[in-house]
Amino acid sequence: MTDNYRARDDSSDKEQLIQMVGFKIGKETFGVDILMVQEIIRSAPITYVPNSPEFVEGVINLRGSIIPVIDLRKRLNLETGDYSQETDWILILDINGRITGFIVDLVTDVIKIQEDTIDPPPEILVAGLQSQYIRGVCEVEDTLLILLDFNRILLVDEIKKLKNVADNPQKT
């Protein structure tokens, strides 16, 4: 009977594991909950949309769906870099029912972390990020992993603008 109890304890430890998709922007390593990720694609042709917010690169057509694409560097006020269609990736995420693409430099791998190893976001800025976008931080293999809270990356009025961009794309 004691062995059965321990077996249940082991399974509850497994339930505390969180799977994150790791990605890089510049030298920083970030993570997003794997349950938010719909798809990961290599860079696709992006159509510029006039009068869109500065951090919106444009829209892509993904199997008939028009999806707004955000430059995550610009959105997080990180050092801007030149994107190239050969080296960049687009994370397609479901954020509260709104499918949105985010340009990142590199998608690394799926990372499993214990929930209790996640520290709360720091009070100060981390690598130029506003702490409101950070869900937490943890160390994975001697690397600081910054867990982003994509539910807070966009403000309500910005989500409305993205909806307009996706619903009314105008090619230039």
N, C-alpha and C. Protein backbone atom coordinates (compact mmCIF):
# COMPACT_ATOMS: atom_id res chain seq x y z
N MET A 1 0.82 -1.19 0.00
CA MET A 1 0.00 0.00 0.00
C MET A 1 0.87 1.26 0.00
N THR A 2 1.95 1.22 0.67
CA THR A 2 2.86 2.36 0.70
C THR A 2 3.43 2.63 -0.69
N ASP A 3 3.75 1.56 -1.44
CA ASP A 3 4.29 1.73 -2.79
C ASP A 3 3.29 2.42 -3.70
N ASN A 4 2.01 2.07 -3.59
CA ASN A 4 0.99 2.72 -4.41
C ASN A 4 0.90 4.21 -4.09
N TYR A 5 1.02 4.53 -2.81
CA TYR A 5 0.97 5.94 -2.42
C TYR A 5 2.13 6.70 -3.02
N ARG A 6 3.32 6.12 -2.99
CA ARG A 6 4.49 6.77 -3.59
C ARG A 6 4.33 6.92 -5.10
N ALA A 7 3.75 5.94 -5.74
CA ALA A 7 3.54 6.02 -7.19
C ALA A 7 2.64 7.21 -7.51
N ARG A 8 1.63 7.42 -6.70
CA ARG A 8 0.76 8.58 -6.93
C ARG A 8 1.52 9.88 -6.73
N ASP A 9 2.40 9.91 -5.74
CA ASP A 9 3.21 11.11 -5.51
C ASP A 9 4.09 11.39 -6.72
N ASP A 10 4.69 10.34 -7.32
CA ASP A 10 5.53 10.53 -8.49
C ASP A 10 4.72 11.11 -9.64
N SER A 11 3.50 10.65 -9.83
CA SER A 11 2.69 11.18 -10.94
C SER A 11 2.30 12.63 -10.68
N SER A 12 2.10 13.01 -9.41
CA SER A 12 1.76 14.41 -9.14
C SER A 12 2.96 15.31 -9.42
N ASP A 13 4.20 14.79 -9.24
CA ASP A 13 5.38 15.56 -9.61
C ASP A 13 5.40 15.82 -11.10
N LYS A 14 5.01 14.82 -11.89
CA LYS A 14 5.00 14.97 -13.34
C LYS A 14 3.97 16.00 -13.76
N GLU A 15 2.87 16.11 -13.00
CA GLU A 15 1.84 17.08 -13.34
C GLU A 15 2.33 18.51 -13.15
N GLN A 16 3.38 18.70 -12.35
CA GLN A 16 3.92 20.03 -12.12
C GLN A 16 4.91 20.44 -13.20
N LEU A 17 5.20 19.55 -14.14
CA LEU A 17 6.07 19.91 -15.25
C LEU A 17 5.31 20.78 -16.23
N ILE A 18 5.98 21.82 -16.70
CA ILE A 18 5.41 22.70 -17.71
C ILE A 18 6.27 22.58 -18.95
N GLN A 19 5.62 22.46 -20.10
CA GLN A 19 6.37 22.41 -21.35
C GLN A 19 6.32 23.78 -22.01
N MET A 20 7.50 24.26 -22.35
CA MET A 20 7.62 25.57 -22.97
C MET A 20 8.31 25.40 -24.33
N VAL A 21 7.95 26.23 -25.28
CA VAL A 21 8.70 26.31 -26.53
C VAL A 21 9.73 27.40 -26.33
N GLY A 22 11.00 27.04 -26.47
CA GLY A 22 12.08 28.00 -26.31
C GLY A 22 12.38 28.70 -27.62
N PHE A 23 12.72 29.99 -27.52
CA PHE A 23 13.10 30.75 -28.72
C PHE A 23 14.05 31.86 -28.31
N LYS A 24 14.76 32.37 -29.31
CA LYS A 24 15.75 33.42 -29.06
C LYS A 24 15.39 34.67 -29.84
N ILE A 25 15.68 35.79 -29.19
CA ILE A 25 15.68 37.09 -29.85
C ILE A 25 17.00 37.71 -29.44
N GLY A 26 17.88 37.88 -30.39
CA GLY A 26 19.22 38.33 -30.07
C GLY A 26 19.91 37.29 -29.21
N LYS A 27 20.47 37.73 -28.10
CA LYS A 27 21.17 36.82 -27.20
C LYS A 27 20.27 36.26 -26.11
N GLU A 28 19.07 36.80 -25.98
CA GLU A 28 18.16 36.41 -24.91
C GLU A 28 17.37 35.16 -25.30
N THR A 29 17.11 34.31 -24.28
CA THR A 29 16.32 33.10 -24.49
C THR A 29 14.98 33.27 -23.77
N PHE A 30 13.91 32.99 -24.49
CA PHE A 30 12.56 33.16 -23.99
C PHE A 30 11.81 31.85 -24.07
N GLY A 31 10.68 31.81 -23.39
CA GLY A 31 9.82 30.64 -23.45
C GLY A 31 8.37 31.05 -23.49
N VAL A 32 7.56 30.23 -24.18
CA VAL A 32 6.11 30.43 -24.23
C VAL A 32 5.48 29.07 -23.96
N ASP A 33 4.39 29.08 -23.23
CA ASP A 33 3.67 27.84 -22.91
C ASP A 33 3.32 27.12 -24.21
N ILE A 34 3.67 25.84 -24.27
CA ILE A 34 3.45 25.06 -25.49
C ILE A 34 1.97 24.98 -25.86
N LEU A 35 1.09 25.12 -24.88
CA LEU A 35 -0.34 25.04 -25.15
C LEU A 35 -0.85 26.24 -25.95
N MET A 36 -0.11 27.34 -25.96
CA MET A 36 -0.50 28.51 -26.74
C MET A 36 -0.05 28.41 -28.19
N VAL A 37 0.92 27.54 -28.46
CA VAL A 37 1.52 27.46 -29.79
C VAL A 37 0.64 26.64 -30.72
N GLN A 38 0.19 27.28 -31.79
CA GLN A 38 -0.61 26.60 -32.81
C GLN A 38 0.30 25.95 -33.86
N GLU A 39 1.38 26.68 -34.17
CA GLU A 39 2.24 26.25 -35.25
C GLU A 39 3.53 27.05 -35.20
N ILE A 40 4.58 26.50 -35.76
CA ILE A 40 5.85 27.21 -35.91
C ILE A 40 6.22 27.09 -37.38
N ILE A 41 6.43 28.24 -38.02
CA ILE A 41 6.76 28.22 -39.44
C ILE A 41 8.02 29.02 -39.70
N ARG A 42 8.69 28.67 -40.79
CA ARG A 42 9.78 29.52 -41.26
C ARG A 42 9.13 30.78 -41.78
N SER A 43 9.88 31.81 -41.86
CA SER A 43 9.35 33.09 -42.31
C SER A 43 8.54 32.92 -43.60
N ALA A 44 7.43 33.60 -43.66
CA ALA A 44 6.55 33.56 -44.83
C ALA A 44 6.49 34.97 -45.41
N PRO A 45 6.08 35.09 -46.68
CA PRO A 45 5.93 36.44 -47.24
C PRO A 45 4.92 37.25 -46.43
N ILE A 46 5.38 38.42 -45.98
CA ILE A 46 4.54 39.28 -45.15
C ILE A 46 4.09 40.46 -45.98
N THR A 47 2.78 40.71 -45.96
CA THR A 47 2.20 41.84 -46.68
C THR A 47 2.07 43.01 -45.72
N TYR A 48 2.69 44.12 -46.06
CA TYR A 48 2.62 45.33 -45.25
C TYR A 48 1.18 45.86 -45.25
N VAL A 49 0.74 46.36 -44.10
CA VAL A 49 -0.60 46.94 -43.99
C VAL A 49 -0.44 48.40 -43.57
N PRO A 50 -0.89 49.34 -44.41
CA PRO A 50 -0.78 50.77 -44.06
C PRO A 50 -1.52 51.09 -42.77
N ASN A 51 -1.00 52.08 -42.04
CA ASN A 51 -1.61 52.59 -40.81
C ASN A 51 -1.74 51.56 -39.70
N SER A 52 -0.90 50.54 -39.74
CA SER A 52 -0.91 49.55 -38.65
C SER A 52 0.05 50.02 -37.56
N PRO A 53 -0.10 49.50 -36.34
CA PRO A 53 0.82 49.88 -35.26
C PRO A 53 2.27 49.59 -35.67
N GLU A 54 3.20 50.34 -35.10
CA GLU A 54 4.62 50.24 -35.47
C GLU A 54 5.18 48.83 -35.34
N PHE A 55 4.74 48.10 -34.34
CA PHE A 55 5.30 46.77 -34.09
C PHE A 55 4.67 45.68 -34.97
N VAL A 56 3.64 46.03 -35.76
CA VAL A 56 3.01 45.06 -36.66
C VAL A 56 3.75 45.08 -37.99
N GLU A 57 4.33 43.95 -38.36
CA GLU A 57 5.05 43.85 -39.63
C GLU A 57 4.09 43.76 -40.80
N GLY A 58 2.91 43.21 -40.58
CA GLY A 58 1.92 43.05 -41.63
C GLY A 58 1.09 41.81 -41.38
N VAL A 59 0.66 41.17 -42.46
CA VAL A 59 -0.15 39.97 -42.35
C VAL A 59 0.42 38.88 -43.25
N ILE A 60 0.12 37.64 -42.89
CA ILE A 60 0.45 36.51 -43.75
C ILE A 60 -0.84 35.75 -44.04
N ASN A 61 -0.82 35.04 -45.15
CA ASN A 61 -1.93 34.18 -45.51
C ASN A 61 -1.48 32.75 -45.21
N LEU A 62 -2.04 32.17 -44.16
CA LEU A 62 -1.68 30.82 -43.75
C LEU A 62 -2.85 29.90 -44.03
N ARG A 63 -2.76 29.18 -45.14
CA ARG A 63 -3.80 28.26 -45.57
C ARG A 63 -5.19 28.92 -45.57
N GLY A 64 -5.26 30.13 -46.12
CA GLY A 64 -6.53 30.83 -46.26
C GLY A 64 -6.90 31.73 -45.09
N SER A 65 -6.17 31.67 -44.00
CA SER A 65 -6.44 32.55 -42.86
C SER A 65 -5.47 33.72 -42.88
N ILE A 66 -6.00 34.91 -42.72
CA ILE A 66 -5.16 36.11 -42.66
C ILE A 66 -4.76 36.32 -41.20
N ILE A 67 -3.45 36.31 -40.94
CA ILE A 67 -2.94 36.37 -39.58
C ILE A 67 -2.01 37.57 -39.44
N PRO A 68 -2.28 38.46 -38.46
CA PRO A 68 -1.36 39.57 -38.23
C PRO A 68 -0.04 39.03 -37.68
N VAL A 69 1.06 39.69 -38.06
CA VAL A 69 2.39 39.28 -37.63
C VAL A 69 3.05 40.45 -36.90
N ILE A 70 3.51 40.16 -35.69
CA ILE A 70 4.13 41.17 -34.83
C ILE A 70 5.62 40.93 -34.76
N ASP A 71 6.37 42.00 -34.86
CA ASP A 71 7.81 41.96 -34.66
C ASP A 71 8.03 41.99 -33.15
N LEU A 72 8.37 40.85 -32.58
CA LEU A 72 8.49 40.76 -31.12
C LEU A 72 9.60 41.65 -30.58
N ARG A 73 10.65 41.86 -31.38
CA ARG A 73 11.73 42.78 -30.97
C ARG A 73 11.18 44.18 -30.72
N LYS A 74 10.41 44.66 -31.69
CA LYS A 74 9.85 46.01 -31.56
C LYS A 74 8.85 46.08 -30.42
N ARG A 75 8.02 45.06 -30.29
CA ARG A 75 6.99 45.08 -29.26
C ARG A 75 7.59 45.11 -27.86
N LEU A 76 8.71 44.41 -27.68
CA LEU A 76 9.34 44.33 -26.37
C LEU A 76 10.43 45.37 -26.19
N ASN A 77 10.55 46.27 -27.16
CA ASN A 77 11.57 47.33 -27.11
C ASN A 77 12.98 46.77 -26.97
N LEU A 78 13.25 45.69 -27.67
CA LEU A 78 14.59 45.12 -27.69
C LEU A 78 15.35 45.73 -28.86
N GLU A 79 16.64 45.53 -28.86
CA GLU A 79 17.48 46.02 -29.94
C GLU A 79 16.94 45.50 -31.27
N THR A 80 16.68 46.41 -32.20
CA THR A 80 16.12 45.97 -33.48
C THR A 80 17.21 45.36 -34.35
N GLY A 81 16.82 44.38 -35.08
CA GLY A 81 17.75 43.70 -35.97
C GLY A 81 17.12 43.55 -37.33
N ASP A 82 17.91 43.11 -38.27
CA ASP A 82 17.40 42.89 -39.61
C ASP A 82 16.91 41.45 -39.71
N TYR A 83 15.66 41.31 -40.12
CA TYR A 83 15.12 39.98 -40.31
C TYR A 83 15.39 39.55 -41.74
N SER A 84 15.61 38.28 -41.92
CA SER A 84 15.74 37.76 -43.28
C SER A 84 14.83 36.57 -43.40
N GLN A 85 14.27 36.40 -44.56
CA GLN A 85 13.31 35.32 -44.79
C GLN A 85 13.95 33.95 -44.56
N GLU A 86 15.27 33.84 -44.66
CA GLU A 86 15.92 32.54 -44.52
C GLU A 86 16.18 32.15 -43.06
N THR A 87 16.35 33.12 -42.18
CA THR A 87 16.79 32.79 -40.83
C THR A 87 15.73 32.97 -39.76
N ASP A 88 14.66 33.68 -40.02
CA ASP A 88 13.69 33.97 -38.98
C ASP A 88 12.53 33.00 -38.97
N TRP A 89 11.89 32.93 -37.83
CA TRP A 89 10.78 32.03 -37.60
C TRP A 89 9.58 32.84 -37.17
N ILE A 90 8.41 32.28 -37.40
CA ILE A 90 7.17 32.90 -36.92
C ILE A 90 6.47 31.89 -36.02
N LEU A 91 6.27 32.30 -34.77
CA LEU A 91 5.48 31.50 -33.84
C LEU A 91 4.02 31.90 -34.03
N ILE A 92 3.18 30.95 -34.35
CA ILE A 92 1.75 31.22 -34.48
C ILE A 92 1.11 30.82 -33.15
N LEU A 93 0.60 31.84 -32.44
CA LEU A 93 0.06 31.61 -31.10
C LEU A 93 -1.43 31.92 -31.05
N ASP A 94 -2.12 31.21 -30.17
CA ASP A 94 -3.52 31.49 -29.89
C ASP A 94 -3.56 32.28 -28.58
N ILE A 95 -3.84 33.56 -28.69
CA ILE A 95 -3.89 34.44 -27.52
C ILE A 95 -5.34 34.84 -27.29
N ASN A 96 -5.94 34.19 -26.32
CA ASN A 96 -7.36 34.44 -26.00
C ASN A 96 -8.25 34.34 -27.24
N GLY A 97 -8.03 33.33 -28.05
CA GLY A 97 -8.85 33.10 -29.24
C GLY A 97 -8.43 33.89 -30.46
N ARG A 98 -7.45 34.75 -30.35
CA ARG A 98 -6.96 35.54 -31.48
C ARG A 98 -5.65 34.92 -31.96
N ILE A 99 -5.63 34.41 -33.17
CA ILE A 99 -4.43 33.80 -33.74
C ILE A 99 -3.51 34.92 -34.24
N THR A 100 -2.28 34.93 -33.75
CA THR A 100 -1.32 35.99 -34.07
C THR A 100 0.04 35.37 -34.27
N GLY A 101 0.80 35.92 -35.22
CA GLY A 101 2.16 35.47 -35.48
C GLY A 101 3.16 36.41 -34.82
N PHE A 102 4.25 35.84 -34.32
CA PHE A 102 5.32 36.62 -33.70
C PHE A 102 6.65 36.23 -34.33
N ILE A 103 7.36 37.21 -34.88
CA ILE A 103 8.66 36.95 -35.49
C ILE A 103 9.70 36.81 -34.39
N VAL A 104 10.47 35.72 -34.45
CA VAL A 104 11.58 35.49 -33.52
C VAL A 104 12.80 35.10 -34.35
N ASP A 105 13.99 35.20 -33.74
CA ASP A 105 15.21 34.87 -34.47
C ASP A 105 15.37 33.38 -34.69
N LEU A 106 15.08 32.60 -33.65
CA LEU A 106 15.33 31.17 -33.70
C LEU A 106 14.42 30.46 -32.71
N VAL A 107 13.82 29.35 -33.14
CA VAL A 107 13.09 28.49 -32.22
C VAL A 107 14.06 27.40 -31.81
N THR A 108 14.27 27.24 -30.50
CA THR A 108 15.29 26.30 -30.04
C THR A 108 14.73 24.90 -29.87
N ASP A 109 13.91 24.69 -28.83
CA ASP A 109 13.38 23.35 -28.59
C ASP A 109 12.27 23.42 -27.56
N VAL A 110 11.68 22.26 -27.28
CA VAL A 110 10.68 22.17 -26.22
C VAL A 110 11.44 21.94 -24.92
N ILE A 111 11.12 22.76 -23.92
CA ILE A 111 11.82 22.71 -22.65
C ILE A 111 10.81 22.31 -21.58
N LYS A 112 11.17 21.32 -20.78
CA LYS A 112 10.33 20.90 -19.67
C LYS A 112 10.93 21.46 -18.39
N ILE A 113 10.11 22.19 -17.65
CA ILE A 113 10.60 22.77 -16.39
C ILE A 113 9.61 22.47 -15.27
N GLN A 114 10.13 22.37 -14.08
CA GLN A 114 9.28 22.20 -12.91
C GLN A 114 8.65 23.55 -12.58
N GLU A 115 7.38 23.55 -12.33
CA GLU A 115 6.67 24.79 -12.04
C GLU A 115 7.27 25.52 -10.83
N ASP A 116 7.75 24.77 -9.85
CA ASP A 116 8.28 25.41 -8.64
C ASP A 116 9.68 26.00 -8.84
N THR A 117 10.28 25.83 -10.02
CA THR A 117 11.59 26.44 -10.28
C THR A 117 11.45 27.81 -10.93
N ILE A 118 10.21 28.20 -11.23
CA ILE A 118 9.96 29.51 -11.86
C ILE A 118 9.92 30.58 -10.77
N ASP A 119 10.79 31.57 -10.91
CA ASP A 119 10.80 32.70 -9.99
C ASP A 119 9.89 33.79 -10.54
N PRO A 120 9.28 34.60 -9.66
CA PRO A 120 8.42 35.68 -10.16
C PRO A 120 9.24 36.70 -10.95
N PRO A 121 8.56 37.48 -11.79
CA PRO A 121 9.28 38.47 -12.58
C PRO A 121 9.99 39.47 -11.66
N PRO A 122 11.15 39.92 -12.07
CA PRO A 122 11.87 40.90 -11.26
C PRO A 122 11.14 42.24 -11.29
N GLU A 123 11.37 43.02 -10.27
CA GLU A 123 10.73 44.34 -10.16
C GLU A 123 11.32 45.32 -11.17
N ILE A 124 12.57 45.10 -11.53
CA ILE A 124 13.23 46.02 -12.46
C ILE A 124 13.16 45.48 -13.88
N LEU A 125 13.66 46.22 -14.80
CA LEU A 125 13.66 45.79 -16.18
C LEU A 125 14.69 44.69 -16.40
N VAL A 126 14.33 43.72 -17.21
CA VAL A 126 15.24 42.63 -17.56
C VAL A 126 15.57 42.78 -19.04
N ALA A 127 16.83 43.06 -19.33
CA ALA A 127 17.30 43.20 -20.71
C ALA A 127 16.42 44.14 -21.53
N GLY A 128 15.95 45.21 -20.90
CA GLY A 128 15.15 46.20 -21.61
C GLY A 128 13.67 45.86 -21.69
N LEU A 129 13.25 44.74 -21.12
CA LEU A 129 11.83 44.36 -21.15
C LEU A 129 11.09 45.00 -19.99
N GLN A 130 9.87 45.40 -20.22
CA GLN A 130 9.05 45.83 -19.11
C GLN A 130 8.60 44.57 -18.39
N SER A 131 8.69 44.57 -17.07
CA SER A 131 8.40 43.36 -16.31
C SER A 131 6.94 42.92 -16.44
N GLN A 132 6.05 43.79 -16.90
CA GLN A 132 4.65 43.39 -17.06
C GLN A 132 4.49 42.28 -18.10
N TYR A 133 5.43 42.14 -19.02
CA TYR A 133 5.34 41.12 -20.05
C TYR A 133 5.94 39.79 -19.61
N ILE A 134 6.55 39.78 -18.44
CA ILE A 134 7.28 38.60 -17.99
C ILE A 134 6.44 37.81 -17.00
N ARG A 135 6.23 36.54 -17.31
CA ARG A 135 5.50 35.64 -16.40
C ARG A 135 6.41 35.17 -15.29
N GLY A 136 7.67 34.97 -15.61
CA GLY A 136 8.64 34.51 -14.62
C GLY A 136 9.97 34.23 -15.29
N VAL A 137 10.93 33.85 -14.50
CA VAL A 137 12.25 33.48 -15.01
C VAL A 137 12.70 32.20 -14.30
N CYS A 138 13.51 31.42 -15.00
CA CYS A 138 14.09 30.23 -14.38
C CYS A 138 15.40 29.91 -15.09
N GLU A 139 16.21 29.13 -14.43
CA GLU A 139 17.49 28.75 -15.02
C GLU A 139 17.35 27.36 -15.61
N VAL A 140 17.75 27.23 -16.86
CA VAL A 140 17.71 25.95 -17.57
C VAL A 140 19.09 25.74 -18.19
N GLU A 141 19.79 24.74 -17.72
CA GLU A 141 21.12 24.41 -18.25
C GLU A 141 22.02 25.64 -18.33
N ASP A 142 22.18 26.33 -17.23
CA ASP A 142 23.05 27.50 -17.12
C ASP A 142 22.63 28.68 -17.99
N THR A 143 21.37 28.70 -18.42
CA THR A 143 20.84 29.80 -19.21
C THR A 143 19.60 30.34 -18.51
N LEU A 144 19.50 31.65 -18.44
CA LEU A 144 18.31 32.27 -17.87
C LEU A 144 17.21 32.26 -18.92
N LEU A 145 16.10 31.60 -18.61
CA LEU A 145 14.96 31.51 -19.51
C LEU A 145 13.91 32.50 -19.03
N ILE A 146 13.53 33.44 -19.90
CA ILE A 146 12.53 34.43 -19.58
C ILE A 146 11.20 33.94 -20.14
N LEU A 147 10.24 33.71 -19.26
CA LEU A 147 8.94 33.21 -19.67
C LEU A 147 8.02 34.40 -19.92
N LEU A 148 7.61 34.55 -21.16
CA LEU A 148 6.77 35.69 -21.52
C LEU A 148 5.30 35.38 -21.29
N ASP A 149 4.56 36.38 -20.89
CA ASP A 149 3.11 36.28 -20.71
C ASP A 149 2.47 36.93 -21.93
N PHE A 150 2.17 36.11 -22.94
CA PHE A 150 1.63 36.65 -24.19
C PHE A 150 0.22 37.20 -24.01
N ASN A 151 -0.46 36.85 -22.94
CA ASN A 151 -1.78 37.42 -22.68
C ASN A 151 -1.67 38.90 -22.29
N ARG A 152 -0.47 39.35 -21.91
CA ARG A 152 -0.27 40.74 -21.50
C ARG A 152 0.58 41.53 -22.50
N ILE A 153 1.07 40.87 -23.53
CA ILE A 153 1.94 41.55 -24.49
C ILE A 153 1.17 42.61 -25.27
N LEU A 154 -0.10 42.34 -25.53
CA LEU A 154 -0.91 43.29 -26.27
C LEU A 154 -1.98 43.89 -25.36
N LEU A 155 -2.14 45.20 -25.46
CA LEU A 155 -3.18 45.89 -24.72
C LEU A 155 -4.51 45.74 -25.46
N VAL A 156 -5.60 45.99 -24.78
CA VAL A 156 -6.93 45.81 -25.37
C VAL A 156 -7.09 46.61 -26.66
N ASP A 157 -6.66 47.87 -26.65
CA ASP A 157 -6.82 48.69 -27.87
C ASP A 157 -5.92 48.18 -28.99
N GLU A 158 -4.78 47.61 -28.65
CA GLU A 158 -3.90 47.04 -29.67
C GLU A 158 -4.50 45.78 -30.27
N ILE A 159 -5.20 45.00 -29.47
CA ILE A 159 -5.87 43.79 -29.98
C ILE A 159 -6.95 44.20 -30.98
N LYS A 160 -7.66 45.29 -30.68
CA LYS A 160 -8.68 45.78 -31.61
C LYS A 160 -8.04 46.21 -32.93
N LYS A 161 -6.89 46.88 -32.85
CA LYS A 161 -6.20 47.30 -34.07
C LYS A 161 -5.75 46.09 -34.87
N LEU A 162 -5.25 45.05 -34.18
CA LEU A 162 -4.83 43.84 -34.88
C LEU A 162 -6.01 43.17 -35.57
N LYS A 163 -7.16 43.19 -34.91
CA LYS A 163 -8.35 42.60 -35.53
C LYS A 163 -8.67 43.35 -36.82
N ASN A 164 -8.58 44.67 -36.78
CA ASN A 164 -8.82 45.46 -37.99
C ASN A 164 -7.80 45.16 -39.07
N VAL A 165 -6.54 44.97 -38.68
CA VAL A 165 -5.49 44.65 -39.64
C VAL A 165 -5.79 43.32 -40.32
N ALA A 166 -6.18 42.32 -39.54
CA ALA A 166 -6.45 41.00 -40.09
C ALA A 166 -7.73 40.97 -40.92
N ASP A 167 -8.73 41.76 -40.50
CA ASP A 167 -10.01 41.76 -41.20
C ASP A 167 -10.00 42.62 -42.46
N ASN A 168 -9.14 43.63 -42.52
CA ASN A 168 -9.12 44.57 -43.64
C ASN A 168 -7.73 44.79 -44.20
N PRO A 169 -7.01 43.75 -44.57
CA PRO A 169 -5.66 43.99 -45.11
C PRO A 169 -5.74 44.69 -46.46
N GLN A 170 -4.92 45.75 -46.60
CA GLN A 170 -4.87 46.47 -47.88
C GLN A 170 -3.45 46.39 -48.39
N LYS A 171 -3.26 45.80 -49.53
CA LYS A 171 -1.91 45.67 -50.08
C LYS A 171 -1.48 46.99 -50.67
N THR A 172 -0.17 47.25 -50.51
CA THR A 172 0.36 48.48 -51.10
C THR A 172 1.09 48.16 -52.37
